[in-house]
Amino acid sequence: MSSIAHSSGSRLLVTGASGKLGRSVLDFLLAENAGPIIATTRNPDHLKEYAAKGVEVRRADFAGGDSSHKDLKDLGDLGDLSQAFSGADRALLISTEPTPEPDGRLRQHLAAVKALEAAGVQHVVYTSLTNPHPGSPVSIAPDHRKTEEALAASSLGFTILRNNLYIDLLLLGLPNALATGKLVNARGDGKTAFITREDCARVAAAALTAPFSGRRTLEITGSEPLSSAEVAAIVSELAQKPLAHVSAPPEVLRAALVEHKLPPYVAEMLVTFDIAIAKGEFAAVTNAFEELTGRAPQKVRDFLESQRLGA
């Protein structure tokens, strides 16, 4: 049974469509003949293959306003952005990449919310973060919380998808972890209800095409909370190599990440995620994914097995 409920006559907008998540959402929508579909990106050339499949590709730059204004209430001229969103009934607002400038990402999100409202969009699906509460240690939590607040203060209907961590991101550090036999982070015994990027795309497509028109906030998680030690054991078995979890103090991990040439704001983000995980803030499991898609999320072991770690 299809997980996408077609909204009769609705024009669907996907922002940030040239990223990995956006492309996957477009693939799900096209596979189900949903739409018409509008896809926005800073560089339309990156979506030529989707234009060839009937997707209307438009240029949109969330940072297009006057960035010299420090007041978040003054976002510059949003005319071009609202024009890029014009004609859409339902929109998926994919959160942008973190920026080194304070409030840089938040400014982009707030500009997008205002432009979506000005364009007459009826419902917005926003990809947020697990538990972005005021006390969250995660450095990017304020960006998501304030974007959620902006949606609540607007006239828009919305579905907020508070996505848990992608298990996909673990793959970035696995080659080094397997080479050294150590999976190093600052997560202690904290558990994470990991979900795959593909499943986040699947649930976003389902929410975008759903007939729901009110306001709701959903925690999108995998089906099982796993500690880093449990993840290491799975990887070790699949790769047939020894791998043990080593939990480092946050300040030691932060220094090591900067020493390995990561920008300080990226190092800080990664460490603060670990601190939140150690506190148990990413461990809760919900059935929101299954309710929206009609299927269970992919398990961590199944995803890792598909990556052929021992090959």
C-alpha atoms as a PDB file:
ATOM      1  CA  MET A   1       0.000   0.000   0.000  1.00  0.00           C
ATOM      2  CA  SER A   2       1.326   3.436  -0.884  1.00  0.00           C
ATOM      3  CA  SER A   3       2.459   5.658   1.988  1.00  0.00           C
ATOM      4  CA  ILE A   4       1.596   8.781  -0.006  1.00  0.00           C
ATOM      5  CA  ALA A   5      -1.964  10.028   0.122  1.00  0.00           C
ATOM      6  CA  HIS A   6      -2.563  12.160  -2.949  1.00  0.00           C
ATOM      7  CA  SER A   7      -4.015  15.603  -2.246  1.00  0.00           C
ATOM      8  CA  SER A   8      -6.304  16.285  -5.170  1.00  0.00           C
ATOM      9  CA  GLY A   9      -5.134  19.311  -7.147  1.00  0.00           C
ATOM     10  CA  SER A  10      -2.447  20.321  -4.633  1.00  0.00           C
ATOM     11  CA  ARG A  11       0.771  21.785  -5.983  1.00  0.00           C
ATOM     12  CA  LEU A  12       3.652  20.541  -3.853  1.00  0.00           C
ATOM     13  CA  LEU A  13       6.786  22.564  -3.149  1.00  0.00           C
ATOM     14  CA  VAL A  14      10.096  21.100  -1.959  1.00  0.00           C
ATOM     15  CA  THR A  15      12.745  23.597  -0.845  1.00  0.00           C
ATOM     16  CA  GLY A  16      16.427  22.731  -0.706  1.00  0.00           C
ATOM     17  CA  ALA A  17      15.595  20.083  -3.262  1.00  0.00           C
ATOM     18  CA  SER A  18      19.128  19.512  -4.560  1.00  0.00           C
ATOM     19  CA  GLY A  19      20.362  18.154  -1.221  1.00  0.00           C
ATOM     20  CA  LYS A  20      20.361  14.454  -0.363  1.00  0.00           C
ATOM     21  CA  LEU A  21      17.118  14.636   1.605  1.00  0.00           C
ATOM     22  CA  GLY A  22      15.379  16.819  -0.965  1.00  0.00           C
ATOM     23  CA  ARG A  23      16.293  14.545  -3.859  1.00  0.00           C
ATOM     24  CA  SER A  24      14.984  11.518  -1.996  1.00  0.00           C
ATOM     25  CA  VAL A  25      11.709  13.322  -1.313  1.00  0.00           C
ATOM     26  CA  LEU A  26      11.382  14.172  -5.020  1.00  0.00           C
ATOM     27  CA  ASP A  27      12.026  10.526  -5.897  1.00  0.00           C
ATOM     28  CA  PHE A  28       9.252   9.357  -3.554  1.00  0.00           C
ATOM     29  CA  LEU A  29       6.817  11.947  -4.920  1.00  0.00           C
ATOM     30  CA  LEU A  30       7.586  11.082  -8.538  1.00  0.00           C
ATOM     31  CA  ALA A  31       7.290   7.357  -7.879  1.00  0.00           C
ATOM     32  CA  GLU A  32       3.757   7.946  -6.637  1.00  0.00           C
ATOM     33  CA  ASN A  33       2.820  10.431  -9.385  1.00  0.00           C
ATOM     34  CA  ALA A  34       2.122  13.056  -6.727  1.00  0.00           C
ATOM     35  CA  GLY A  35       2.020  16.709  -7.575  1.00  0.00           C
ATOM     36  CA  PRO A  36       2.364  18.857  -9.640  1.00  0.00           C
ATOM     37  CA  ILE A  37       5.780  19.406  -8.019  1.00  0.00           C
ATOM     38  CA  ILE A  38       7.823  22.590  -7.650  1.00  0.00           C
ATOM     39  CA  ALA A  39      11.440  22.208  -6.520  1.00  0.00           C
ATOM     40  CA  THR A  40      13.585  25.127  -5.409  1.00  0.00           C
ATOM     41  CA  THR A  41      17.365  25.296  -5.112  1.00  0.00           C
ATOM     42  CA  ARG A  42      20.115  27.902  -5.215  1.00  0.00           C
ATOM     43  CA  ASN A  43      21.396  26.318  -8.441  1.00  0.00           C
ATOM     44  CA  PRO A  44      18.685  24.991 -10.792  1.00  0.00           C
ATOM     45  CA  ASP A  45      21.338  23.258 -12.931  1.00  0.00           C
ATOM     46  CA  HIS A  46      21.722  20.742 -10.107  1.00  0.00           C
ATOM     47  CA  LEU A  47      18.173  19.506 -10.726  1.00  0.00           C
ATOM     48  CA  LYS A  48      18.184  19.171 -14.505  1.00  0.00           C
ATOM     49  CA  GLU A  49      17.313  15.473 -14.340  1.00  0.00           C
ATOM     50  CA  TYR A  50      14.201  16.278 -12.290  1.00  0.00           C
ATOM     51  CA  ALA A  51      13.166  19.057 -14.669  1.00  0.00           C
ATOM     52  CA  ALA A  52      13.307  16.432 -17.414  1.00  0.00           C
ATOM     53  CA  LYS A  53      10.846  14.351 -15.373  1.00  0.00           C
ATOM     54  CA  GLY A  54       8.293  17.153 -15.201  1.00  0.00           C
ATOM     55  CA  VAL A  55       9.311  18.887 -11.963  1.00  0.00           C
ATOM     56  CA  GLU A  56       9.143  22.674 -12.158  1.00  0.00           C
ATOM     57  CA  VAL A  57      12.573  23.796 -10.953  1.00  0.00           C
ATOM     58  CA  ARG A  58      12.961  27.339  -9.611  1.00  0.00           C
ATOM     59  CA  ARG A  59      15.851  29.276  -8.100  1.00  0.00           C
ATOM     60  CA  ALA A  60      15.453  30.291  -4.462  1.00  0.00           C
ATOM     61  CA  ASP A  61      18.083  31.617  -2.079  1.00  0.00           C
ATOM     62  CA  PHE A  62      16.968  31.908   1.541  1.00  0.00           C
ATOM     63  CA  ALA A  63      19.930  34.198   2.220  1.00  0.00           C
ATOM     64  CA  GLY A  64      18.953  36.546  -0.567  1.00  0.00           C
ATOM     65  CA  GLY A  65      17.815  39.338   1.753  1.00  0.00           C
ATOM     66  CA  ASP A  66      20.114  42.044   3.072  1.00  0.00           C
ATOM     67  CA  SER A  67      22.381  40.166   5.485  1.00  0.00           C
ATOM     68  CA  SER A  68      23.733  43.436   6.927  1.00  0.00           C
ATOM     69  CA  HIS A  69      20.633  43.752   9.106  1.00  0.00           C
ATOM     70  CA  LYS A  70      21.236  42.222  12.525  1.00  0.00           C
ATOM     71  CA  ASP A  71      17.632  42.525  13.678  1.00  0.00           C
ATOM     72  CA  LEU A  72      15.906  39.220  12.941  1.00  0.00           C
ATOM     73  CA  LYS A  73      12.663  41.131  12.412  1.00  0.00           C
ATOM     74  CA  ASP A  74      14.233  42.949   9.478  1.00  0.00           C
ATOM     75  CA  LEU A  75      14.865  40.296   6.852  1.00  0.00           C
ATOM     76  CA  GLY A  76      15.248  42.494   3.817  1.00  0.00           C
ATOM     77  CA  ASP A  77      13.318  42.175   0.557  1.00  0.00           C
ATOM     78  CA  LEU A  78      11.547  38.804   0.369  1.00  0.00           C
ATOM     79  CA  GLY A  79       9.824  39.472  -2.942  1.00  0.00           C
ATOM     80  CA  ASP A  80      11.996  37.140  -5.004  1.00  0.00           C
ATOM     81  CA  LEU A  81      11.673  34.360  -2.441  1.00  0.00           C
ATOM     82  CA  SER A  82       7.896  34.590  -2.194  1.00  0.00           C
ATOM     83  CA  GLN A  83       7.746  34.610  -5.997  1.00  0.00           C
ATOM     84  CA  ALA A  84       9.774  31.383  -6.052  1.00  0.00           C
ATOM     85  CA  PHE A  85       7.152  29.838  -3.744  1.00  0.00           C
ATOM     86  CA  SER A  86       4.121  31.211  -5.598  1.00  0.00           C
ATOM     87  CA  GLY A  87       1.427  28.818  -6.726  1.00  0.00           C
ATOM     88  CA  ALA A  88       2.254  26.122  -4.173  1.00  0.00           C
ATOM     89  CA  ASP A  89      -0.446  24.758  -1.891  1.00  0.00           C
ATOM     90  CA  ARG A  90       1.693  22.617   0.398  1.00  0.00           C
ATOM     91  CA  ALA A  91       5.429  23.051   1.008  1.00  0.00           C
ATOM     92  CA  LEU A  92       8.259  21.078   2.531  1.00  0.00           C
ATOM     93  CA  LEU A  93      10.682  23.454   4.234  1.00  0.00           C
ATOM     94  CA  ILE A  94      13.938  21.522   4.606  1.00  0.00           C
ATOM     95  CA  SER A  95      16.151  23.084   7.253  1.00  0.00           C
ATOM     96  CA  THR A  96      19.298  24.604   5.791  1.00  0.00           C
ATOM     97  CA  GLU A  97      22.897  23.842   6.739  1.00  0.00           C
ATOM     98  CA  PRO A  98      24.297  25.422   9.924  1.00  0.00           C
ATOM     99  CA  THR A  99      26.324  28.578   9.309  1.00  0.00           C
ATOM    100  CA  PRO A 100      29.356  30.003  11.123  1.00  0.00           C
ATOM    101  CA  GLU A 101      27.605  33.361  11.531  1.00  0.00           C
ATOM    102  CA  PRO A 102      25.409  33.756  14.629  1.00  0.00           C
ATOM    103  CA  ASP A 103      21.744  33.548  13.600  1.00  0.00           C
ATOM    104  CA  GLY A 104      22.714  33.022   9.949  1.00  0.00           C
ATOM    105  CA  ARG A 105      20.701  29.834   9.583  1.00  0.00           C
ATOM    106  CA  LEU A 106      17.815  31.201  11.633  1.00  0.00           C
ATOM    107  CA  ARG A 107      17.608  34.262   9.392  1.00  0.00           C
ATOM    108  CA  GLN A 108      17.255  31.951   6.386  1.00  0.00           C
ATOM    109  CA  HIS A 109      14.477  29.962   8.041  1.00  0.00           C
ATOM    110  CA  LEU A 110      12.560  33.040   9.150  1.00  0.00           C
ATOM    111  CA  ALA A 111      12.833  34.525   5.664  1.00  0.00           C
ATOM    112  CA  ALA A 112      11.444  31.302   4.213  1.00  0.00           C
ATOM    113  CA  VAL A 113       8.515  31.199   6.661  1.00  0.00           C
ATOM    114  CA  LYS A 114       7.570  34.806   5.877  1.00  0.00           C
ATOM    115  CA  ALA A 115       7.890  34.182   2.133  1.00  0.00           C
ATOM    116  CA  LEU A 116       5.794  31.008   2.297  1.00  0.00           C
ATOM    117  CA  GLU A 117       3.076  32.930   4.117  1.00  0.00           C
ATOM    118  CA  ALA A 118       3.246  35.802   1.628  1.00  0.00           C
ATOM    119  CA  ALA A 119       3.035  33.338  -1.278  1.00  0.00           C
ATOM    120  CA  GLY A 120      -0.274  31.968   0.027  1.00  0.00           C
ATOM    121  CA  VAL A 121       0.968  28.487   0.854  1.00  0.00           C
ATOM    122  CA  GLN A 122      -1.611  26.680   2.983  1.00  0.00           C
ATOM    123  CA  HIS A 123       0.457  24.069   4.826  1.00  0.00           C
ATOM    124  CA  VAL A 124       4.162  23.750   5.608  1.00  0.00           C
ATOM    125  CA  VAL A 125       6.060  20.605   6.591  1.00  0.00           C
ATOM    126  CA  TYR A 126       9.255  21.551   8.438  1.00  0.00           C
ATOM    127  CA  THR A 127      12.208  19.282   9.193  1.00  0.00           C
ATOM    128  CA  SER A 128      13.137  20.100  12.772  1.00  0.00           C
ATOM    129  CA  LEU A 129      15.211  18.480  15.520  1.00  0.00           C
ATOM    130  CA  THR A 130      14.429  16.159  18.405  1.00  0.00           C
ATOM    131  CA  ASN A 131      13.695  18.069  21.631  1.00  0.00           C
ATOM    132  CA  PRO A 132      14.763  21.616  20.630  1.00  0.00           C
ATOM    133  CA  HIS A 133      13.653  22.930  24.042  1.00  0.00           C
ATOM    134  CA  PRO A 134      15.206  26.033  25.669  1.00  0.00           C
ATOM    135  CA  GLY A 135      17.450  23.885  27.877  1.00  0.00           C
ATOM    136  CA  SER A 136      18.810  21.726  25.060  1.00  0.00           C
ATOM    137  CA  PRO A 137      22.618  21.604  24.999  1.00  0.00           C
ATOM    138  CA  VAL A 138      22.582  21.160  21.205  1.00  0.00           C
ATOM    139  CA  SER A 139      24.095  24.292  19.665  1.00  0.00           C
ATOM    140  CA  ILE A 140      21.632  24.366  16.751  1.00  0.00           C
ATOM    141  CA  ALA A 141      18.522  23.743  18.872  1.00  0.00           C
ATOM    142  CA  PRO A 142      17.666  27.482  19.052  1.00  0.00           C
ATOM    143  CA  ASP A 143      17.517  27.665  15.236  1.00  0.00           C
ATOM    144  CA  HIS A 144      14.884  24.946  15.163  1.00  0.00           C
ATOM    145  CA  ARG A 145      12.959  26.115  18.218  1.00  0.00           C
ATOM    146  CA  LYS A 146      12.681  29.686  16.921  1.00  0.00           C
ATOM    147  CA  THR A 147      11.672  28.450  13.463  1.00  0.00           C
ATOM    148  CA  GLU A 148       8.921  26.399  15.099  1.00  0.00           C
ATOM    149  CA  GLU A 149       7.866  29.522  17.014  1.00  0.00           C
ATOM    150  CA  ALA A 150       7.772  31.511  13.776  1.00  0.00           C
ATOM    151  CA  LEU A 151       5.485  28.916  12.211  1.00  0.00           C
ATOM    152  CA  ALA A 152       3.227  29.038  15.275  1.00  0.00           C
ATOM    153  CA  ALA A 153       3.063  32.847  15.033  1.00  0.00           C
ATOM    154  CA  SER A 154       2.177  32.728  11.317  1.00  0.00           C
ATOM    155  CA  SER A 155      -1.155  32.036   9.645  1.00  0.00           C
ATOM    156  CA  LEU A 156       0.217  28.806   8.165  1.00  0.00           C
ATOM    157  CA  GLY A 157      -0.944  25.296   8.864  1.00  0.00           C
ATOM    158  CA  PHE A 158       2.044  23.096   9.645  1.00  0.00           C
ATOM    159  CA  THR A 159       3.452  19.676  10.358  1.00  0.00           C
ATOM    160  CA  ILE A 160       6.720  19.835  12.278  1.00  0.00           C
ATOM    161  CA  LEU A 161       8.825  16.701  11.899  1.00  0.00           C
ATOM    162  CA  ARG A 162      11.360  16.544  14.728  1.00  0.00           C
ATOM    163  CA  ASN A 163      13.772  14.106  13.122  1.00  0.00           C
ATOM    164  CA  ASN A 164      16.120  12.067  15.288  1.00  0.00           C
ATOM    165  CA  LEU A 165      19.744  11.562  14.191  1.00  0.00           C
ATOM    166  CA  TYR A 166      20.489   9.931  10.838  1.00  0.00           C
ATOM    167  CA  ILE A 167      22.231   6.595  11.235  1.00  0.00           C
ATOM    168  CA  ASP A 168      23.783   7.474   7.848  1.00  0.00           C
ATOM    169  CA  LEU A 169      26.052   9.998   9.562  1.00  0.00           C
ATOM    170  CA  LEU A 170      27.770   7.204  11.443  1.00  0.00           C
ATOM    171  CA  LEU A 171      29.256   6.033   8.151  1.00  0.00           C
ATOM    172  CA  LEU A 172      31.440   9.153   7.948  1.00  0.00           C
ATOM    173  CA  GLY A 173      33.578   8.035  10.875  1.00  0.00           C
ATOM    174  CA  LEU A 174      33.400   4.271  10.496  1.00  0.00           C
ATOM    175  CA  PRO A 175      36.478   3.766   8.294  1.00  0.00           C
ATOM    176  CA  ASN A 176      38.703   5.395  10.917  1.00  0.00           C
ATOM    177  CA  ALA A 177      36.846   3.670  13.770  1.00  0.00           C
ATOM    178  CA  LEU A 178      37.333   0.252  12.197  1.00  0.00           C
ATOM    179  CA  ALA A 179      40.977   1.029  11.440  1.00  0.00           C
ATOM    180  CA  THR A 180      41.689   1.953  15.061  1.00  0.00           C
ATOM    181  CA  GLY A 181      39.218  -0.425  16.683  1.00  0.00           C
ATOM    182  CA  LYS A 182      37.700   2.490  18.606  1.00  0.00           C
ATOM    183  CA  LEU A 183      34.395   4.300  18.119  1.00  0.00           C
ATOM    184  CA  VAL A 184      35.114   7.526  19.990  1.00  0.00           C
ATOM    185  CA  ASN A 185      32.476  10.058  21.049  1.00  0.00           C
ATOM    186  CA  ALA A 186      31.223  11.799  24.192  1.00  0.00           C
ATOM    187  CA  ARG A 187      27.873   9.976  24.418  1.00  0.00           C
ATOM    188  CA  GLY A 188      28.574   7.770  27.440  1.00  0.00           C
ATOM    189  CA  ASP A 189      25.791   5.215  27.868  1.00  0.00           C
ATOM    190  CA  GLY A 190      23.236   7.514  26.256  1.00  0.00           C
ATOM    191  CA  LYS A 191      20.973   5.984  23.634  1.00  0.00           C
ATOM    192  CA  THR A 192      19.746   7.293  20.296  1.00  0.00           C
ATOM    193  CA  ALA A 193      16.594   6.301  18.400  1.00  0.00           C
ATOM    194  CA  PHE A 194      18.422   6.508  15.059  1.00  0.00           C
ATOM    195  CA  ILE A 195      16.498   6.803  11.803  1.00  0.00           C
ATOM    196  CA  THR A 196      17.783   6.671   8.238  1.00  0.00           C
ATOM    197  CA  ARG A 197      17.856   9.686   5.939  1.00  0.00           C
ATOM    198  CA  GLU A 198      15.750   7.725   3.450  1.00  0.00           C
ATOM    199  CA  ASP A 199      13.063   7.145   6.071  1.00  0.00           C
ATOM    200  CA  CYS A 200      13.105  10.867   6.912  1.00  0.00           C
ATOM    201  CA  ALA A 201      12.525  11.569   3.216  1.00  0.00           C
ATOM    202  CA  ARG A 202       9.761   8.970   3.124  1.00  0.00           C
ATOM    203  CA  VAL A 203       7.928  10.471   6.090  1.00  0.00           C
ATOM    204  CA  ALA A 204       8.391  14.011   4.736  1.00  0.00           C
ATOM    205  CA  ALA A 205       6.815  12.994   1.422  1.00  0.00           C
ATOM    206  CA  ALA A 206       3.947  11.346   3.291  1.00  0.00           C
ATOM    207  CA  ALA A 207       3.342  14.437   5.438  1.00  0.00           C
ATOM    208  CA  LEU A 208       3.569  16.737   2.412  1.00  0.00           C
ATOM    209  CA  THR A 209       0.881  14.819   0.524  1.00  0.00           C
ATOM    210  CA  ALA A 210      -1.344  14.056   3.509  1.00  0.00           C
ATOM    211  CA  PRO A 211      -4.797  15.655   3.692  1.00  0.00           C
ATOM    212  CA  PHE A 212      -4.008  17.065   7.166  1.00  0.00           C
ATOM    213  CA  SER A 213      -4.492  20.836   7.263  1.00  0.00           C
ATOM    214  CA  GLY A 214      -4.167  21.759  10.939  1.00  0.00           C
ATOM    215  CA  ARG A 215      -1.102  22.088  13.145  1.00  0.00           C
ATOM    216  CA  ARG A 216       0.920  19.262  14.666  1.00  0.00           C
ATOM    217  CA  THR A 217       4.399  18.489  15.968  1.00  0.00           C
ATOM    218  CA  LEU A 218       5.705  14.935  15.605  1.00  0.00           C
ATOM    219  CA  GLU A 219       8.828  13.237  16.954  1.00  0.00           C
ATOM    220  CA  ILE A 220      10.206  11.097  14.109  1.00  0.00           C
ATOM    221  CA  THR A 221      12.336   8.235  15.417  1.00  0.00           C
ATOM    222  CA  GLY A 222      13.560   4.774  14.669  1.00  0.00           C
ATOM    223  CA  SER A 223      12.048   1.774  16.435  1.00  0.00           C
ATOM    224  CA  GLU A 224      14.852   1.100  18.911  1.00  0.00           C
ATOM    225  CA  PRO A 225      17.136   3.230  21.086  1.00  0.00           C
ATOM    226  CA  LEU A 226      20.761   2.088  20.866  1.00  0.00           C
ATOM    227  CA  SER A 227      23.849   3.090  22.825  1.00  0.00           C
ATOM    228  CA  SER A 228      27.175   3.647  21.092  1.00  0.00           C
ATOM    229  CA  ALA A 229      28.419   0.404  22.632  1.00  0.00           C
ATOM    230  CA  GLU A 230      25.496  -1.442  21.055  1.00  0.00           C
ATOM    231  CA  VAL A 231      26.144   0.203  17.694  1.00  0.00           C
ATOM    232  CA  ALA A 232      29.825  -0.703  17.927  1.00  0.00           C
ATOM    233  CA  ALA A 233      28.914  -4.329  18.615  1.00  0.00           C
ATOM    234  CA  ILE A 234      26.676  -4.441  15.532  1.00  0.00           C
ATOM    235  CA  VAL A 235      29.349  -2.873  13.324  1.00  0.00           C
ATOM    236  CA  SER A 236      32.019  -5.213  14.722  1.00  0.00           C
ATOM    237  CA  GLU A 237      29.909  -8.262  13.919  1.00  0.00           C
ATOM    238  CA  LEU A 238      29.024  -7.109  10.409  1.00  0.00           C
ATOM    239  CA  ALA A 239      32.545  -5.975   9.498  1.00  0.00           C
ATOM    240  CA  GLN A 240      34.142  -8.932  11.292  1.00  0.00           C
ATOM    241  CA  LYS A 241      36.598  -6.567  12.948  1.00  0.00           C
ATOM    242  CA  PRO A 242      36.992  -5.609  16.603  1.00  0.00           C
ATOM    243  CA  LEU A 243      35.330  -2.311  17.500  1.00  0.00           C
ATOM    244  CA  ALA A 244      34.790  -0.937  20.984  1.00  0.00           C
ATOM    245  CA  HIS A 245      33.064   2.248  22.086  1.00  0.00           C
ATOM    246  CA  VAL A 246      35.265   4.765  23.897  1.00  0.00           C
ATOM    247  CA  SER A 247      33.522   7.688  25.580  1.00  0.00           C
ATOM    248  CA  ALA A 248      35.741  10.776  25.838  1.00  0.00           C
ATOM    249  CA  PRO A 249      35.114  13.924  27.897  1.00  0.00           C
ATOM    250  CA  PRO A 250      33.387  16.602  25.769  1.00  0.00           C
ATOM    251  CA  GLU A 251      36.300  19.035  26.043  1.00  0.00           C
ATOM    252  CA  VAL A 252      38.765  16.371  24.870  1.00  0.00           C
ATOM    253  CA  LEU A 253      36.569  15.471  21.914  1.00  0.00           C
ATOM    254  CA  ARG A 254      36.091  19.138  21.006  1.00  0.00           C
ATOM    255  CA  ALA A 255      39.861  19.734  20.949  1.00  0.00           C
ATOM    256  CA  ALA A 256      40.440  16.611  18.864  1.00  0.00           C
ATOM    257  CA  LEU A 257      37.847  17.627  16.283  1.00  0.00           C
ATOM    258  CA  VAL A 258      39.352  21.100  15.913  1.00  0.00           C
ATOM    259  CA  GLU A 259      42.815  19.544  15.644  1.00  0.00           C
ATOM    260  CA  HIS A 260      41.474  17.460  12.749  1.00  0.00           C
ATOM    261  CA  LYS A 261      40.627  20.725  10.949  1.00  0.00           C
ATOM    262  CA  LEU A 262      36.894  20.806  11.553  1.00  0.00           C
ATOM    263  CA  PRO A 263      35.565  24.376  11.751  1.00  0.00           C
ATOM    264  CA  PRO A 264      35.015  25.316  15.412  1.00  0.00           C
ATOM    265  CA  TYR A 265      31.259  25.783  14.974  1.00  0.00           C
ATOM    266  CA  VAL A 266      30.968  22.278  13.452  1.00  0.00           C
ATOM    267  CA  ALA A 267      33.061  20.761  16.243  1.00  0.00           C
ATOM    268  CA  GLU A 268      30.867  22.502  18.801  1.00  0.00           C
ATOM    269  CA  MET A 269      27.709  21.222  17.132  1.00  0.00           C
ATOM    270  CA  LEU A 270      28.939  17.614  17.131  1.00  0.00           C
ATOM    271  CA  VAL A 271      30.042  17.760  20.763  1.00  0.00           C
ATOM    272  CA  THR A 272      26.783  19.310  21.934  1.00  0.00           C
ATOM    273  CA  PHE A 273      24.836  16.549  20.178  1.00  0.00           C
ATOM    274  CA  ASP A 274      26.900  14.032  22.146  1.00  0.00           C
ATOM    275  CA  ILE A 275      26.202  15.857  25.405  1.00  0.00           C
ATOM    276  CA  ALA A 276      22.456  15.782  24.680  1.00  0.00           C
ATOM    277  CA  ILE A 277      22.597  12.077  23.810  1.00  0.00           C
ATOM    278  CA  ALA A 278      24.482  11.337  27.040  1.00  0.00           C
ATOM    279  CA  LYS A 279      21.650  13.079  28.899  1.00  0.00           C
ATOM    280  CA  GLY A 280      19.078  10.814  27.203  1.00  0.00           C
ATOM    281  CA  GLU A 281      17.459  13.494  25.043  1.00  0.00           C
ATOM    282  CA  PHE A 282      17.525  11.420  21.838  1.00  0.00           C
ATOM    283  CA  ALA A 283      16.407   8.080  23.291  1.00  0.00           C
ATOM    284  CA  ALA A 284      12.613   8.315  23.113  1.00  0.00           C
ATOM    285  CA  VAL A 285      10.799   6.168  20.544  1.00  0.00           C
ATOM    286  CA  THR A 286       7.465   7.082  18.957  1.00  0.00           C
ATOM    287  CA  ASN A 287       5.206   5.466  16.353  1.00  0.00           C
ATOM    288  CA  ALA A 288       4.724   8.697  14.369  1.00  0.00           C
ATOM    289  CA  PHE A 289       6.740   7.376  11.423  1.00  0.00           C
ATOM    290  CA  GLU A 290       4.595   4.269  11.121  1.00  0.00           C
ATOM    291  CA  GLU A 291       1.369   6.255  11.485  1.00  0.00           C
ATOM    292  CA  LEU A 292       2.352   8.563   8.623  1.00  0.00           C
ATOM    293  CA  THR A 293       3.873   6.008   6.269  1.00  0.00           C
ATOM    294  CA  GLY A 294       2.078   2.756   7.095  1.00  0.00           C
ATOM    295  CA  ARG A 295       5.368   0.920   7.536  1.00  0.00           C
ATOM    296  CA  ALA A 296       8.052   0.392  10.167  1.00  0.00           C
ATOM    297  CA  PRO A 297      11.304   2.398  10.005  1.00  0.00           C
ATOM    298  CA  GLN A 298      14.425   0.550   8.919  1.00  0.00           C
ATOM    299  CA  LYS A 299      16.384  -0.915  11.801  1.00  0.00           C
ATOM    300  CA  VAL A 300      19.949   0.175  12.420  1.00  0.00           C
ATOM    301  CA  ARG A 301      21.328  -3.325  11.901  1.00  0.00           C
ATOM    302  CA  ASP A 302      19.512  -3.747   8.586  1.00  0.00           C
ATOM    303  CA  PHE A 303      20.781  -0.399   7.335  1.00  0.00           C
ATOM    304  CA  LEU A 304      24.374  -1.113   8.347  1.00  0.00           C
ATOM    305  CA  GLU A 305      24.187  -4.570   6.823  1.00  0.00           C
ATOM    306  CA  SER A 306      23.131  -3.019   3.518  1.00  0.00           C
ATOM    307  CA  GLN A 307      26.337  -0.949   3.540  1.00  0.00           C
ATOM    308  CA  ARG A 308      28.526  -4.066   3.209  1.00  0.00           C
ATOM    309  CA  LEU A 309      30.867  -2.950   5.987  1.00  0.00           C
ATOM    310  CA  GLY A 310      33.050  -6.006   5.677  1.00  0.00           C
ATOM    311  CA  ALA A 311      33.522  -5.686   1.913  1.00  0.00           C
END
